[in-house]
């Protein structure tokens, strides 16, 4: 059986491959979807029915999210955009009625 040794080039290629896997795995596990964030962050206090009957623009939803954050909602700044986009798309004045 022939023994293979790791040359500096093989080490570098292996390191680059591992780095790509880590970067893509991290990106895939990044900020959850807007729906998941709303479910995790909002429905502890508000039912989906309450959320569903609200009809707000993106600006109004953003103000609502910030207002909820000010009174104790655990929302990170990097999650706000995903939450607002989901709410405005699905529960905005232009969203289709279910």
Protein backbone atom coordinates (compact mmCIF):
# COMPACT_ATOMS: atom_id res chain seq x y z
CA UNK A 1 0.00 0.00 0.00
CA UNK A 2 1.35 3.37 -0.97
CA UNK A 3 1.43 5.98 1.78
CA UNK A 4 0.33 9.48 0.79
CA UNK A 5 1.84 12.43 2.52
CA UNK A 6 0.23 15.79 2.85
CA UNK A 7 2.25 18.29 0.91
CA UNK A 8 1.96 22.00 1.64
CA UNK A 9 -0.28 22.30 -1.44
CA UNK A 10 -2.61 19.58 -0.16
CA UNK A 11 -2.74 21.21 3.27
CA UNK A 12 -3.64 24.53 1.67
CA UNK A 13 -6.34 22.97 -0.52
CA UNK A 14 -7.78 21.11 2.47
CA UNK A 15 -7.77 24.29 4.55
CA UNK A 16 -9.52 26.24 1.79
CA UNK A 17 -12.14 23.50 1.39
CA UNK A 18 -12.83 23.46 5.14
CA UNK A 19 -13.07 27.27 5.18
CA UNK A 20 -15.67 27.20 2.38
CA UNK A 21 -17.71 24.57 4.18
CA UNK A 22 -17.66 26.62 7.40
CA UNK A 23 -18.60 29.85 5.59
CA UNK A 24 -21.50 28.27 3.70
CA UNK A 25 -22.75 26.38 6.75
CA UNK A 26 -22.70 29.60 8.76
CA UNK A 27 -24.55 31.48 6.02
CA UNK A 28 -27.17 28.77 5.82
CA UNK A 29 -27.71 28.97 9.57
CA UNK A 30 -27.77 32.78 9.63
CA UNK A 31 -30.79 34.87 10.50
CA UNK A 32 -33.93 32.72 10.51
CA UNK A 33 -36.77 33.49 8.13
CA UNK A 34 -39.13 36.35 8.93
CA UNK A 35 -41.96 33.93 9.66
CA UNK A 36 -39.81 31.96 12.12
CA UNK A 37 -38.67 35.17 13.81
CA UNK A 38 -42.25 36.41 14.17
CA UNK A 39 -43.24 33.04 15.58
CA UNK A 40 -40.28 33.03 18.00
CA UNK A 41 -40.23 36.70 18.97
CA UNK A 42 -43.82 37.93 18.71
CA UNK A 43 -46.26 35.13 19.37
CA UNK A 44 -45.24 34.81 22.99
CA UNK A 45 -47.41 37.88 23.61
CA UNK A 46 -49.51 38.15 20.42
CA UNK A 47 -51.55 35.48 18.66
CA UNK A 48 -51.27 34.98 14.91
CA UNK A 49 -54.86 36.20 14.71
CA UNK A 50 -53.95 39.54 16.29
CA UNK A 51 -50.97 39.86 13.96
CA UNK A 52 -53.07 38.79 10.97
CA UNK A 53 -55.76 41.45 11.41
CA UNK A 54 -53.17 44.22 11.50
CA UNK A 55 -52.66 45.92 8.20
CA UNK A 56 -49.59 48.13 8.35
CA UNK A 57 -47.04 49.47 5.93
CA UNK A 58 -43.38 48.50 6.31
CA UNK A 59 -42.74 51.81 8.07
CA UNK A 60 -45.60 51.18 10.50
CA UNK A 61 -44.44 47.61 11.16
CA UNK A 62 -40.90 48.86 11.82
CA UNK A 63 -42.25 51.37 14.35
CA UNK A 64 -44.28 48.58 15.97
CA UNK A 65 -41.26 46.28 16.21
CA UNK A 66 -39.16 49.05 17.77
CA UNK A 67 -41.99 49.90 20.17
CA UNK A 68 -42.21 46.24 21.23
CA UNK A 69 -38.44 46.13 21.62
CA UNK A 70 -38.61 49.17 23.91
CA UNK A 71 -41.07 47.40 26.21
CA UNK A 72 -39.10 44.18 26.39
CA UNK A 73 -39.29 42.17 23.17
CA UNK A 74 -36.04 40.28 22.63
CA UNK A 75 -35.29 41.34 19.06
CA UNK A 76 -31.76 41.81 17.77
CA UNK A 77 -31.09 44.66 15.36
CA UNK A 78 -30.12 42.21 12.61
CA UNK A 79 -33.51 40.50 12.95
CA UNK A 80 -35.63 43.64 12.58
CA UNK A 81 -35.41 43.84 8.76
CA UNK A 82 -36.47 40.20 8.30
CA UNK A 83 -39.40 40.63 10.70
CA UNK A 84 -40.56 43.87 9.10
CA UNK A 85 -40.25 42.49 5.56
CA UNK A 86 -42.26 39.40 6.46
CA UNK A 87 -44.97 41.38 8.28
CA UNK A 88 -45.28 44.05 5.58
CA UNK A 89 -45.45 41.45 2.81
CA UNK A 90 -47.98 39.20 4.53
CA UNK A 91 -49.90 41.63 6.74
CA UNK A 92 -49.64 44.91 4.93
CA UNK A 93 -52.28 47.01 3.19
CA UNK A 94 -51.28 45.55 -0.19
CA UNK A 95 -51.11 41.92 0.95
CA UNK A 96 -53.68 39.50 -0.39
CA UNK A 97 -56.59 38.67 1.88
CA UNK A 98 -56.44 35.00 2.95
